Amino acid sequence: MDIKTFNIEGMMLLTPPRFEDDRGYFTETYNAARLKELGITEPFVQDNHSLSRQRGVVRGLHCQLPPHAQGKLIRCTRGSIWDVGVDIRAGSPTFGQWVGQTLSAENGAQFWIPAGFLHGFCTLTDNAEVQYKCTDFWNRECERSVRWDDPLLAIEWPVSAGDAIVSAKDAQALSFSNVDDWFTHTADG
């Protein structure tokens, strides 16, 4: 497995090997023992699958607060997306910084975004399908959203605000200035 780490502690890009022949390919997309070796020890309890019919759909930025905080292992199984994680752990040296990665059916990459981060993505193709594993169940009371295009974050999205297709809920999300103590950075992440 190819493993890429970032200057923001905790996030990883994992690309499992593919074994290809003239019939197609095989890849192992989940192995609990292998993830444990990488420090991803929380069990996954929920799988989600979304379809975005158009290029330029933006979903996010979302997180869940404790006691239902979620780590997410994200992959794109059809088309491609620009996937983003934002550190929102108060006291973290990288608080407010983000990492973006292209995930596609073609590259097979998976983005690990632990609890304590916002998550969002933008579709780069029509009919993009995204599947992700979560370390806790969805909980309405713990759910929070931050504006995807908040100028304080300065995320380099591949779509302009005028062309982005967002839900009414995401269009009314909070400013990043409201994120102050949702999570706390600890010595171990």
N, C-alpha and C. Protein backbone atom coordinates (compact mmCIF):
# COMPACT_ATOMS: atom_id res chain seq x y z
N MET A 1 0.84 -1.18 0.00
CA MET A 1 0.00 0.00 0.00
C MET A 1 0.88 1.23 0.00
N ASP A 2 0.53 2.17 -0.84
CA ASP A 2 1.24 3.44 -0.87
C ASP A 2 0.60 4.35 0.17
N ILE A 3 1.43 4.94 1.04
CA ILE A 3 0.95 5.78 2.14
C ILE A 3 1.59 7.15 2.02
N LYS A 4 0.75 8.17 1.98
CA LYS A 4 1.23 9.55 1.93
C LYS A 4 0.74 10.27 3.18
N THR A 5 1.66 10.92 3.89
CA THR A 5 1.29 11.72 5.05
C THR A 5 1.44 13.19 4.69
N PHE A 6 0.93 14.04 5.56
CA PHE A 6 0.90 15.47 5.29
C PHE A 6 1.47 16.24 6.47
N ASN A 7 1.64 17.55 6.29
CA ASN A 7 2.14 18.38 7.38
C ASN A 7 1.10 18.53 8.49
N ILE A 8 -0.12 18.11 8.24
CA ILE A 8 -1.17 18.13 9.26
C ILE A 8 -1.27 16.73 9.85
N GLU A 9 -0.96 16.64 11.11
CA GLU A 9 -0.93 15.37 11.83
C GLU A 9 -2.28 14.65 11.75
N GLY A 10 -2.24 13.38 11.38
CA GLY A 10 -3.42 12.53 11.41
C GLY A 10 -3.97 12.13 10.06
N MET A 11 -3.98 13.04 9.11
CA MET A 11 -4.54 12.70 7.80
C MET A 11 -3.54 11.89 6.99
N MET A 12 -4.07 10.94 6.19
CA MET A 12 -3.24 10.11 5.33
C MET A 12 -3.97 9.82 4.03
N LEU A 13 -3.21 9.68 2.96
CA LEU A 13 -3.74 9.21 1.69
C LEU A 13 -3.23 7.79 1.52
N LEU A 14 -4.15 6.85 1.40
CA LEU A 14 -3.81 5.43 1.29
C LEU A 14 -4.22 4.94 -0.09
N THR A 15 -3.29 4.35 -0.80
CA THR A 15 -3.60 3.82 -2.12
C THR A 15 -3.23 2.34 -2.15
N PRO A 16 -4.23 1.47 -2.03
CA PRO A 16 -3.94 0.04 -2.05
C PRO A 16 -3.53 -0.41 -3.45
N PRO A 17 -2.71 -1.45 -3.51
CA PRO A 17 -2.28 -1.93 -4.83
C PRO A 17 -3.45 -2.56 -5.60
N ARG A 18 -3.35 -2.46 -6.92
CA ARG A 18 -4.32 -3.10 -7.80
C ARG A 18 -3.60 -4.19 -8.58
N PHE A 19 -4.27 -5.29 -8.72
CA PHE A 19 -3.73 -6.41 -9.49
C PHE A 19 -4.60 -6.51 -10.74
N GLU A 20 -3.99 -6.12 -11.88
CA GLU A 20 -4.75 -5.99 -13.12
C GLU A 20 -4.38 -7.08 -14.12
N ASP A 21 -5.36 -7.45 -14.91
CA ASP A 21 -5.13 -8.28 -16.08
C ASP A 21 -6.17 -7.89 -17.14
N ASP A 22 -6.29 -8.68 -18.19
CA ASP A 22 -7.18 -8.30 -19.27
C ASP A 22 -8.66 -8.32 -18.87
N ARG A 23 -9.00 -8.92 -17.74
CA ARG A 23 -10.38 -8.95 -17.27
C ARG A 23 -10.75 -7.69 -16.48
N GLY A 24 -9.73 -7.01 -15.92
CA GLY A 24 -9.99 -5.87 -15.06
C GLY A 24 -8.97 -5.84 -13.93
N TYR A 25 -9.42 -5.60 -12.70
CA TYR A 25 -8.49 -5.55 -11.58
C TYR A 25 -9.14 -6.04 -10.29
N PHE A 26 -8.29 -6.32 -9.31
CA PHE A 26 -8.70 -6.65 -7.95
C PHE A 26 -7.91 -5.76 -7.02
N THR A 27 -8.58 -5.24 -5.98
CA THR A 27 -7.89 -4.47 -4.95
C THR A 27 -8.57 -4.72 -3.61
N GLU A 28 -7.78 -4.74 -2.57
CA GLU A 28 -8.32 -4.86 -1.21
C GLU A 28 -8.54 -3.45 -0.69
N THR A 29 -9.79 -3.07 -0.46
CA THR A 29 -10.10 -1.69 -0.06
C THR A 29 -10.16 -1.50 1.44
N TYR A 30 -10.23 -2.57 2.21
CA TYR A 30 -10.30 -2.45 3.66
C TYR A 30 -9.67 -3.66 4.31
N ASN A 31 -8.77 -3.40 5.26
CA ASN A 31 -8.13 -4.46 6.03
C ASN A 31 -7.87 -3.88 7.41
N ALA A 32 -8.63 -4.30 8.41
CA ALA A 32 -8.55 -3.74 9.76
C ALA A 32 -7.15 -3.88 10.34
N ALA A 33 -6.50 -5.01 10.12
CA ALA A 33 -5.15 -5.21 10.67
C ALA A 33 -4.16 -4.23 10.06
N ARG A 34 -4.24 -4.01 8.76
CA ARG A 34 -3.33 -3.08 8.09
C ARG A 34 -3.57 -1.65 8.57
N LEU A 35 -4.83 -1.25 8.71
CA LEU A 35 -5.13 0.10 9.21
C LEU A 35 -4.65 0.28 10.64
N LYS A 36 -4.76 -0.76 11.45
CA LYS A 36 -4.28 -0.70 12.83
C LYS A 36 -2.77 -0.44 12.86
N GLU A 37 -2.04 -1.08 11.94
CA GLU A 37 -0.59 -0.83 11.83
C GLU A 37 -0.30 0.63 11.52
N LEU A 38 -1.22 1.30 10.83
CA LEU A 38 -1.05 2.71 10.48
C LEU A 38 -1.57 3.66 11.56
N GLY A 39 -2.12 3.10 12.64
CA GLY A 39 -2.61 3.92 13.74
C GLY A 39 -4.10 4.23 13.67
N ILE A 40 -4.80 3.65 12.71
CA ILE A 40 -6.25 3.83 12.61
C ILE A 40 -6.88 2.68 13.36
N THR A 41 -7.18 2.91 14.63
CA THR A 41 -7.60 1.82 15.51
C THR A 41 -9.09 1.81 15.81
N GLU A 42 -9.79 2.91 15.54
CA GLU A 42 -11.23 2.94 15.82
C GLU A 42 -11.95 1.99 14.87
N PRO A 43 -12.95 1.29 15.37
CA PRO A 43 -13.74 0.43 14.47
C PRO A 43 -14.66 1.29 13.59
N PHE A 44 -14.88 0.84 12.38
CA PHE A 44 -15.84 1.48 11.50
C PHE A 44 -17.21 0.89 11.78
N VAL A 45 -18.21 1.77 11.95
CA VAL A 45 -19.55 1.31 12.33
C VAL A 45 -20.63 1.68 11.32
N GLN A 46 -20.27 2.50 10.34
CA GLN A 46 -21.28 2.94 9.36
C GLN A 46 -20.59 3.18 8.03
N ASP A 47 -21.20 2.71 6.95
CA ASP A 47 -20.73 2.99 5.60
C ASP A 47 -21.75 3.90 4.92
N ASN A 48 -21.26 4.93 4.23
CA ASN A 48 -22.11 5.87 3.50
C ASN A 48 -21.74 5.84 2.02
N HIS A 49 -22.72 6.15 1.18
CA HIS A 49 -22.52 6.14 -0.27
C HIS A 49 -23.33 7.30 -0.84
N SER A 50 -22.65 8.19 -1.56
CA SER A 50 -23.38 9.31 -2.17
C SER A 50 -23.14 9.33 -3.68
N LEU A 51 -24.14 9.81 -4.39
CA LEU A 51 -24.05 10.04 -5.83
C LEU A 51 -24.31 11.51 -6.07
N SER A 52 -23.44 12.16 -6.79
CA SER A 52 -23.64 13.55 -7.22
C SER A 52 -23.75 13.52 -8.73
N ARG A 53 -24.88 13.94 -9.25
CA ARG A 53 -25.14 13.79 -10.68
C ARG A 53 -24.40 14.77 -11.57
N GLN A 54 -23.95 15.90 -10.99
CA GLN A 54 -23.30 16.92 -11.83
C GLN A 54 -21.90 17.24 -11.32
N ARG A 55 -21.08 17.67 -12.25
CA ARG A 55 -19.78 18.23 -11.90
C ARG A 55 -20.04 19.55 -11.16
N GLY A 56 -19.23 19.84 -10.14
CA GLY A 56 -19.36 21.09 -9.41
C GLY A 56 -20.23 21.02 -8.17
N VAL A 57 -20.72 19.81 -7.82
CA VAL A 57 -21.46 19.65 -6.57
C VAL A 57 -20.46 19.73 -5.42
N VAL A 58 -20.76 20.57 -4.43
CA VAL A 58 -19.93 20.68 -3.24
C VAL A 58 -20.75 20.17 -2.06
N ARG A 59 -20.16 19.24 -1.32
CA ARG A 59 -20.78 18.71 -0.10
C ARG A 59 -19.82 19.00 1.05
N GLY A 60 -20.29 19.75 2.01
CA GLY A 60 -19.44 20.07 3.16
C GLY A 60 -19.35 21.57 3.35
N LEU A 61 -18.61 21.90 4.32
CA LEU A 61 -17.69 21.17 5.17
C LEU A 61 -18.43 20.68 6.42
N HIS A 62 -18.30 19.41 6.76
CA HIS A 62 -19.06 18.81 7.84
C HIS A 62 -18.15 18.15 8.87
N CYS A 63 -18.69 18.03 10.08
CA CYS A 63 -18.09 17.21 11.12
C CYS A 63 -19.16 16.85 12.13
N GLN A 64 -18.83 15.96 13.04
CA GLN A 64 -19.67 15.66 14.18
C GLN A 64 -18.85 15.87 15.44
N LEU A 65 -19.47 16.49 16.43
CA LEU A 65 -18.81 16.75 17.70
C LEU A 65 -18.88 15.54 18.62
N PRO A 66 -17.97 15.49 19.61
CA PRO A 66 -18.07 14.45 20.63
C PRO A 66 -19.42 14.58 21.35
N PRO A 67 -20.02 13.51 21.79
CA PRO A 67 -19.45 12.17 21.89
C PRO A 67 -19.62 11.31 20.64
N HIS A 68 -20.04 11.92 19.53
CA HIS A 68 -20.24 11.15 18.29
C HIS A 68 -19.32 11.63 17.17
N ALA A 69 -18.12 12.05 17.51
CA ALA A 69 -17.15 12.48 16.50
C ALA A 69 -16.84 11.31 15.56
N GLN A 70 -16.63 11.64 14.30
CA GLN A 70 -16.39 10.62 13.28
C GLN A 70 -15.04 10.80 12.60
N GLY A 71 -14.31 9.72 12.51
CA GLY A 71 -13.22 9.62 11.55
C GLY A 71 -13.82 9.04 10.28
N LYS A 72 -13.27 9.42 9.12
CA LYS A 72 -13.82 8.95 7.85
C LYS A 72 -12.71 8.45 6.93
N LEU A 73 -12.97 7.32 6.29
CA LEU A 73 -12.08 6.79 5.26
C LEU A 73 -12.86 6.88 3.95
N ILE A 74 -12.44 7.83 3.09
CA ILE A 74 -13.22 8.22 1.92
C ILE A 74 -12.58 7.69 0.64
N ARG A 75 -13.41 7.22 -0.28
CA ARG A 75 -12.92 6.85 -1.61
C ARG A 75 -13.98 7.18 -2.64
N CYS A 76 -13.55 7.44 -3.84
CA CYS A 76 -14.44 7.73 -4.96
C CYS A 76 -14.46 6.49 -5.84
N THR A 77 -15.64 5.92 -6.04
CA THR A 77 -15.75 4.66 -6.78
C THR A 77 -16.27 4.83 -8.20
N ARG A 78 -16.64 6.07 -8.54
CA ARG A 78 -17.06 6.38 -9.91
C ARG A 78 -16.78 7.85 -10.13
N GLY A 79 -16.12 8.18 -11.24
CA GLY A 79 -15.77 9.57 -11.51
C GLY A 79 -14.61 10.03 -10.65
N SER A 80 -14.62 11.33 -10.29
CA SER A 80 -13.55 11.86 -9.45
C SER A 80 -14.05 13.05 -8.64
N ILE A 81 -13.36 13.28 -7.51
CA ILE A 81 -13.70 14.37 -6.60
C ILE A 81 -12.42 15.04 -6.10
N TRP A 82 -12.57 16.27 -5.64
CA TRP A 82 -11.54 16.99 -4.89
C TRP A 82 -11.99 16.90 -3.44
N ASP A 83 -11.25 16.17 -2.61
CA ASP A 83 -11.64 15.90 -1.23
C ASP A 83 -10.77 16.72 -0.30
N VAL A 84 -11.39 17.29 0.74
CA VAL A 84 -10.69 18.24 1.62
C VAL A 84 -10.93 17.90 3.08
N GLY A 85 -9.86 17.98 3.87
CA GLY A 85 -9.93 17.88 5.32
C GLY A 85 -9.34 19.14 5.93
N VAL A 86 -9.98 19.67 6.99
CA VAL A 86 -9.54 20.90 7.65
C VAL A 86 -9.36 20.62 9.14
N ASP A 87 -8.19 20.93 9.66
CA ASP A 87 -7.90 20.73 11.09
C ASP A 87 -8.68 21.74 11.92
N ILE A 88 -9.54 21.25 12.83
CA ILE A 88 -10.29 22.16 13.71
C ILE A 88 -10.04 21.80 15.18
N ARG A 89 -8.86 21.27 15.47
CA ARG A 89 -8.51 20.91 16.84
C ARG A 89 -7.87 22.12 17.52
N ALA A 90 -8.60 22.73 18.45
CA ALA A 90 -8.08 23.90 19.17
C ALA A 90 -6.73 23.53 19.80
N GLY A 91 -5.76 24.41 19.64
CA GLY A 91 -4.43 24.19 20.18
C GLY A 91 -3.50 23.47 19.23
N SER A 92 -4.02 22.99 18.11
CA SER A 92 -3.18 22.31 17.12
C SER A 92 -2.31 23.34 16.40
N PRO A 93 -1.04 23.02 16.14
CA PRO A 93 -0.20 23.95 15.39
C PRO A 93 -0.68 24.15 13.95
N THR A 94 -1.58 23.27 13.48
CA THR A 94 -2.11 23.40 12.11
C THR A 94 -3.61 23.72 12.11
N PHE A 95 -4.12 24.28 13.21
CA PHE A 95 -5.53 24.66 13.30
C PHE A 95 -5.90 25.57 12.12
N GLY A 96 -6.98 25.22 11.43
CA GLY A 96 -7.46 26.01 10.30
C GLY A 96 -6.77 25.71 8.99
N GLN A 97 -5.76 24.84 8.99
CA GLN A 97 -5.10 24.47 7.74
C GLN A 97 -5.83 23.28 7.11
N TRP A 98 -5.68 23.15 5.81
CA TRP A 98 -6.40 22.12 5.07
C TRP A 98 -5.48 21.36 4.13
N VAL A 99 -5.95 20.18 3.77
CA VAL A 99 -5.30 19.35 2.74
C VAL A 99 -6.38 18.93 1.77
N GLY A 100 -6.09 19.03 0.48
CA GLY A 100 -7.00 18.58 -0.56
C GLY A 100 -6.33 17.53 -1.42
N GLN A 101 -7.08 16.53 -1.84
CA GLN A 101 -6.56 15.45 -2.67
C GLN A 101 -7.60 15.06 -3.70
N THR A 102 -7.15 14.66 -4.88
CA THR A 102 -8.05 14.13 -5.89
C THR A 102 -8.21 12.64 -5.64
N LEU A 103 -9.46 12.23 -5.47
CA LEU A 103 -9.80 10.82 -5.34
C LEU A 103 -10.62 10.45 -6.58
N SER A 104 -10.32 9.30 -7.15
CA SER A 104 -11.05 8.89 -8.35
C SER A 104 -11.18 7.38 -8.40
N ALA A 105 -12.13 6.94 -9.22
CA ALA A 105 -12.26 5.50 -9.46
C ALA A 105 -10.98 4.98 -10.10
N GLU A 106 -10.35 5.83 -10.90
CA GLU A 106 -9.14 5.42 -11.60
C GLU A 106 -7.93 5.27 -10.67
N ASN A 107 -7.73 6.23 -9.74
CA ASN A 107 -6.52 6.15 -8.90
C ASN A 107 -6.70 5.28 -7.66
N GLY A 108 -7.95 4.99 -7.27
CA GLY A 108 -8.19 4.08 -6.15
C GLY A 108 -7.73 4.59 -4.79
N ALA A 109 -7.35 5.85 -4.69
CA ALA A 109 -6.84 6.40 -3.43
C ALA A 109 -7.97 6.56 -2.42
N GLN A 110 -7.60 6.45 -1.14
CA GLN A 110 -8.53 6.64 -0.04
C GLN A 110 -7.93 7.66 0.91
N PHE A 111 -8.76 8.58 1.38
CA PHE A 111 -8.32 9.67 2.23
C PHE A 111 -8.83 9.41 3.65
N TRP A 112 -7.90 9.29 4.60
CA TRP A 112 -8.26 9.12 6.01
C TRP A 112 -8.30 10.50 6.65
N ILE A 113 -9.48 10.86 7.15
CA ILE A 113 -9.66 12.13 7.85
C ILE A 113 -10.17 11.78 9.25
N PRO A 114 -9.33 11.94 10.28
CA PRO A 114 -9.74 11.55 11.63
C PRO A 114 -10.74 12.52 12.25
N ALA A 115 -11.30 12.12 13.37
CA ALA A 115 -12.15 13.02 14.14
C ALA A 115 -11.34 14.26 14.49
N GLY A 116 -12.01 15.40 14.56
CA GLY A 116 -11.32 16.66 14.84
C GLY A 116 -11.03 17.46 13.58
N PHE A 117 -11.60 17.01 12.47
CA PHE A 117 -11.41 17.66 11.18
C PHE A 117 -12.76 17.88 10.52
N LEU A 118 -12.86 18.96 9.75
CA LEU A 118 -13.98 19.15 8.84
C LEU A 118 -13.70 18.33 7.59
N HIS A 119 -14.75 17.91 6.91
CA HIS A 119 -14.60 17.17 5.66
C HIS A 119 -15.58 17.71 4.62
N GLY A 120 -15.12 17.81 3.39
CA GLY A 120 -15.98 18.19 2.29
C GLY A 120 -15.36 17.77 0.97
N PHE A 121 -16.18 17.78 -0.08
CA PHE A 121 -15.63 17.47 -1.40
C PHE A 121 -16.40 18.17 -2.49
N CYS A 122 -15.77 18.27 -3.65
CA CYS A 122 -16.35 18.84 -4.85
C CYS A 122 -16.21 17.82 -5.97
N THR A 123 -17.29 17.59 -6.71
CA THR A 123 -17.22 16.63 -7.80
C THR A 123 -16.50 17.25 -9.00
N LEU A 124 -15.61 16.46 -9.57
CA LEU A 124 -14.86 16.88 -10.75
C LEU A 124 -15.47 16.32 -12.03
N THR A 125 -16.40 15.39 -11.88
CA THR A 125 -17.07 14.75 -13.02
C THR A 125 -18.56 14.63 -12.72
N ASP A 126 -19.34 14.44 -13.77
CA ASP A 126 -20.74 14.07 -13.58
C ASP A 126 -20.80 12.67 -12.99
N ASN A 127 -21.89 12.39 -12.30
CA ASN A 127 -22.15 11.06 -11.76
C ASN A 127 -21.01 10.50 -10.90
N ALA A 128 -20.52 11.32 -10.01
CA ALA A 128 -19.45 10.90 -9.10
C ALA A 128 -20.07 10.18 -7.90
N GLU A 129 -19.53 9.00 -7.61
CA GLU A 129 -19.99 8.23 -6.45
C GLU A 129 -18.88 8.19 -5.41
N VAL A 130 -19.26 8.48 -4.18
CA VAL A 130 -18.32 8.51 -3.07
C VAL A 130 -18.81 7.54 -2.01
N GLN A 131 -17.88 6.72 -1.52
CA GLN A 131 -18.19 5.81 -0.43
C GLN A 131 -17.22 6.07 0.70
N TYR A 132 -17.75 6.09 1.93
CA TYR A 132 -16.85 6.30 3.05
C TYR A 132 -17.31 5.57 4.29
N LYS A 133 -16.31 5.11 5.02
CA LYS A 133 -16.51 4.40 6.27
C LYS A 133 -16.40 5.41 7.40
N CYS A 134 -17.25 5.28 8.43
CA CYS A 134 -17.26 6.21 9.57
C CYS A 134 -17.02 5.45 10.87
N THR A 135 -16.35 6.12 11.80
CA THR A 135 -16.04 5.50 13.08
C THR A 135 -17.12 5.72 14.13
N ASP A 136 -18.17 6.47 13.81
CA ASP A 136 -19.32 6.60 14.70
C ASP A 136 -20.56 6.80 13.83
N PHE A 137 -21.72 6.59 14.45
CA PHE A 137 -22.97 6.73 13.73
C PHE A 137 -23.33 8.20 13.55
N TRP A 138 -24.10 8.49 12.50
CA TRP A 138 -24.58 9.85 12.28
C TRP A 138 -25.47 10.25 13.45
N ASN A 139 -25.30 11.51 13.91
CA ASN A 139 -26.08 12.02 15.02
C ASN A 139 -26.42 13.48 14.74
N ARG A 140 -27.70 13.77 14.56
CA ARG A 140 -28.15 15.11 14.18
C ARG A 140 -27.70 16.18 15.18
N GLU A 141 -27.78 15.89 16.48
CA GLU A 141 -27.44 16.89 17.50
C GLU A 141 -25.95 17.23 17.50
N CYS A 142 -25.12 16.32 17.07
CA CYS A 142 -23.67 16.54 17.07
C CYS A 142 -23.14 17.06 15.73
N GLU A 143 -23.99 17.08 14.72
CA GLU A 143 -23.57 17.49 13.38
C GLU A 143 -23.33 19.00 13.32
N ARG A 144 -22.25 19.41 12.66
CA ARG A 144 -21.93 20.83 12.45
C ARG A 144 -21.48 21.01 11.00
N SER A 145 -21.71 22.23 10.49
CA SER A 145 -21.29 22.58 9.13
C SER A 145 -20.62 23.94 9.13
N VAL A 146 -19.60 24.08 8.31
CA VAL A 146 -18.88 25.33 8.10
C VAL A 146 -18.92 25.63 6.61
N ARG A 147 -19.05 26.90 6.26
CA ARG A 147 -19.11 27.29 4.84
C ARG A 147 -17.92 26.75 4.07
N TRP A 148 -18.21 26.10 2.99
CA TRP A 148 -17.17 25.48 2.15
C TRP A 148 -16.23 26.54 1.57
N ASP A 149 -16.76 27.74 1.32
CA ASP A 149 -15.97 28.79 0.67
C ASP A 149 -15.59 29.91 1.63
N ASP A 150 -15.50 29.59 2.91
CA ASP A 150 -15.18 30.61 3.91
C ASP A 150 -13.80 31.22 3.60
N PRO A 151 -13.71 32.54 3.49
CA PRO A 151 -12.44 33.18 3.15
C PRO A 151 -11.36 32.98 4.21
N LEU A 152 -11.74 32.72 5.45
CA LEU A 152 -10.73 32.46 6.49
C LEU A 152 -9.96 31.18 6.22
N LEU A 153 -10.58 30.23 5.55
CA LEU A 153 -9.91 28.96 5.23
C LEU A 153 -9.13 29.04 3.92
N ALA A 154 -9.60 29.83 2.98
CA ALA A 154 -8.95 30.01 1.67
C ALA A 154 -8.65 28.67 0.99
N ILE A 155 -9.61 27.77 1.02
CA ILE A 155 -9.45 26.48 0.34
C ILE A 155 -9.48 26.73 -1.17
N GLU A 156 -8.58 26.10 -1.88
CA GLU A 156 -8.48 26.24 -3.33
C GLU A 156 -9.40 25.22 -4.01
N TRP A 157 -10.68 25.54 -4.05
CA TRP A 157 -11.66 24.65 -4.66
C TRP A 157 -11.57 24.71 -6.18
N PRO A 158 -11.90 23.62 -6.87
CA PRO A 158 -11.85 23.61 -8.34
C PRO A 158 -13.13 24.15 -8.99
N VAL A 159 -13.93 24.88 -8.20
CA VAL A 159 -15.17 25.46 -8.71
C VAL A 159 -15.35 26.83 -8.05
N SER A 160 -15.89 27.76 -8.79
CA SER A 160 -16.14 29.09 -8.22
C SER A 160 -17.43 29.08 -7.41
N ALA A 161 -17.58 30.04 -6.54
CA ALA A 161 -18.79 30.14 -5.72
C ALA A 161 -20.03 30.26 -6.60
N GLY A 162 -19.93 30.96 -7.72
CA GLY A 162 -21.06 31.13 -8.61
C GLY A 162 -21.45 29.87 -9.37
N ASP A 163 -20.50 28.95 -9.54
CA ASP A 163 -20.78 27.72 -10.28
C ASP A 163 -21.01 26.51 -9.38
N ALA A 164 -20.71 26.64 -8.10
CA ALA A 164 -20.87 25.51 -7.18
C ALA A 164 -22.35 25.17 -6.98
N ILE A 165 -22.63 23.89 -6.88
CA ILE A 165 -23.98 23.41 -6.60
C ILE A 165 -23.96 22.91 -5.16
N VAL A 166 -24.64 23.64 -4.27
CA VAL A 166 -24.63 23.29 -2.85
C VAL A 166 -26.06 23.13 -2.34
N SER A 167 -26.21 22.36 -1.28
CA SER A 167 -27.52 22.20 -0.67
C SER A 167 -27.89 23.47 0.08
N ALA A 168 -29.17 23.65 0.34
CA ALA A 168 -29.63 24.81 1.11
C ALA A 168 -28.99 24.80 2.50
N LYS A 169 -28.86 23.63 3.09
CA LYS A 169 -28.24 23.50 4.41
C LYS A 169 -26.78 23.96 4.39
N ASP A 170 -26.03 23.52 3.39
CA ASP A 170 -24.61 23.91 3.31
C ASP A 170 -24.46 25.39 2.98
N ALA A 171 -25.40 25.94 2.23
CA ALA A 171 -25.34 27.37 1.89
C ALA A 171 -25.54 28.24 3.12
N GLN A 172 -26.15 27.70 4.17
CA GLN A 172 -26.39 28.45 5.39
C GLN A 172 -25.45 28.04 6.53
N ALA A 173 -24.38 27.35 6.21
CA ALA A 173 -23.44 26.87 7.23
C ALA A 173 -22.76 28.03 7.94
N LEU A 174 -22.20 27.73 9.10
CA LEU A 174 -21.51 28.72 9.92
C LEU A 174 -20.21 29.20 9.29
N SER A 175 -19.76 30.35 9.72
CA SER A 175 -18.44 30.84 9.36
C SER A 175 -17.40 30.08 10.16
N PHE A 176 -16.21 29.95 9.62
CA PHE A 176 -15.12 29.29 10.34
C PHE A 176 -14.79 30.02 11.64
N SER A 177 -15.09 31.29 11.73
CA SER A 177 -14.83 32.05 12.96
C SER A 177 -15.62 31.51 14.15
N ASN A 178 -16.66 30.71 13.90
CA ASN A 178 -17.45 30.10 14.97
C ASN A 178 -16.82 28.83 15.52
N VAL A 179 -15.79 28.33 14.85
CA VAL A 179 -15.12 27.10 15.29
C VAL A 179 -14.01 27.50 16.26
N ASP A 180 -14.20 27.21 17.53
CA ASP A 180 -13.14 27.56 18.47
C ASP A 180 -12.81 26.42 19.42
N ASP A 181 -13.79 25.75 19.95
CA ASP A 181 -13.50 24.70 20.92
C ASP A 181 -14.29 23.43 20.62
N TRP A 182 -14.56 23.17 19.35
CA TRP A 182 -15.29 21.96 19.01
C TRP A 182 -14.47 20.72 19.33
N PHE A 183 -13.15 20.81 19.11
CA PHE A 183 -12.22 19.71 19.40
C PHE A 183 -10.98 20.30 20.04
N THR A 184 -10.25 19.50 20.80
CA THR A 184 -9.01 19.93 21.41
C THR A 184 -7.88 19.04 20.92
N HIS A 185 -6.78 19.67 20.55
CA HIS A 185 -5.60 18.94 20.12
C HIS A 185 -4.93 18.32 21.34
N THR A 186 -4.54 17.07 21.23
CA THR A 186 -3.80 16.40 22.29
C THR A 186 -2.44 15.98 21.77
N ALA A 187 -1.56 15.59 22.66
CA ALA A 187 -0.20 15.21 22.27
C ALA A 187 -0.20 14.04 21.28
N ASP A 188 -1.22 13.16 21.37
CA ASP A 188 -1.26 12.03 20.45
C ASP A 188 -2.21 12.25 19.28
N GLY A 189 -2.54 13.50 18.99
CA GLY A 189 -3.37 13.82 17.83
C GLY A 189 -4.73 14.25 18.21
